[in-house]
Amino acid sequence: MPYVKIEVTREGATREQKAALIKGATELLVQVLNKNPATTFVVIDEVDTDNWGIAGETVTSLRKRAL
């Protein structure tokens, strides 16, 4: 029973894009590890950029500075 967790920043991934991620991750586990898609779970967590840090700074701050 595979469980895949995908975390991305919350910046407008569409419903279609998230569906494609779920489908693709499931298909990969079927192809590579011969897992049953009926028992393969994929969860996408969207994290606010204020809650995601890189090198001691939030992604929000880094992106504001890059503008």
Protein backbone atom coordinates (compact mmCIF):
# COMPACT_ATOMS: atom_id res chain seq x y z
CA MET A 1 0.00 0.00 0.00
CA PRO A 2 2.17 2.88 -1.24
CA TYR A 3 1.64 6.38 0.10
CA VAL A 4 3.08 9.31 -1.84
CA LYS A 5 3.11 12.82 -0.37
CA ILE A 6 3.77 15.73 -2.69
CA GLU A 7 4.30 19.17 -1.17
CA VAL A 8 4.22 22.30 -3.30
CA THR A 9 3.88 25.98 -2.55
CA ARG A 10 0.35 27.31 -2.81
CA GLU A 11 0.58 29.34 -5.98
CA GLY A 12 -2.27 28.30 -8.15
CA ALA A 13 -1.67 24.72 -9.24
CA THR A 14 -4.82 23.95 -11.14
CA ARG A 15 -7.17 21.06 -10.43
CA GLU A 16 -6.04 19.53 -13.73
CA GLN A 17 -2.35 19.80 -12.81
CA LYS A 18 -2.95 18.16 -9.45
CA ALA A 19 -4.95 15.39 -11.10
CA ALA A 20 -2.05 14.84 -13.52
CA LEU A 21 0.39 14.59 -10.59
CA ILE A 22 -1.81 12.03 -8.86
CA LYS A 23 -2.22 9.99 -12.04
CA GLY A 24 1.48 10.19 -12.92
CA ALA A 25 2.70 9.20 -9.46
CA THR A 26 0.29 6.26 -9.40
CA GLU A 27 1.33 5.11 -12.88
CA LEU A 28 5.01 5.34 -11.92
CA LEU A 29 4.51 3.05 -8.91
CA VAL A 30 2.57 0.60 -11.08
CA GLN A 31 5.26 0.57 -13.79
CA VAL A 32 8.37 0.52 -11.59
CA LEU A 33 7.26 -1.44 -8.54
CA ASN A 34 4.24 -3.32 -9.92
CA LYS A 35 1.99 -1.79 -7.25
CA ASN A 36 -1.78 -2.05 -7.34
CA PRO A 37 -3.24 1.36 -8.25
CA ALA A 38 -6.34 0.58 -6.18
CA THR A 39 -4.22 0.62 -3.02
CA THR A 40 -1.88 3.47 -3.98
CA PHE A 41 -2.49 6.75 -2.19
CA VAL A 42 -1.24 10.14 -3.38
CA VAL A 43 -1.69 13.27 -1.27
CA ILE A 44 -0.85 16.79 -2.40
CA ASP A 45 -0.25 19.38 0.33
CA GLU A 46 -0.16 23.01 -0.70
CA VAL A 47 1.95 25.14 1.63
CA ASP A 48 1.72 28.91 1.86
CA THR A 49 4.97 30.60 0.80
CA ASP A 50 5.15 32.22 4.26
CA ASN A 51 5.45 28.70 5.68
CA TRP A 52 8.15 27.42 3.31
CA GLY A 53 11.74 28.44 3.98
CA ILE A 54 14.99 28.21 2.06
CA ALA A 55 18.35 29.25 3.47
CA GLY A 56 16.75 30.86 6.50
CA GLU A 57 14.19 32.95 4.62
CA THR A 58 10.60 32.45 3.59
CA VAL A 59 9.85 31.88 -0.06
CA THR A 60 7.63 34.97 0.10
CA SER A 61 10.62 37.15 1.08
CA LEU A 62 12.93 35.59 -1.48
CA ARG A 63 10.45 36.13 -4.30
CA LYS A 64 9.71 39.73 -3.30
CA ARG A 65 13.43 40.49 -3.34
CA ALA A 66 13.83 38.86 -6.76
CA LEU A 67 11.31 41.24 -8.35
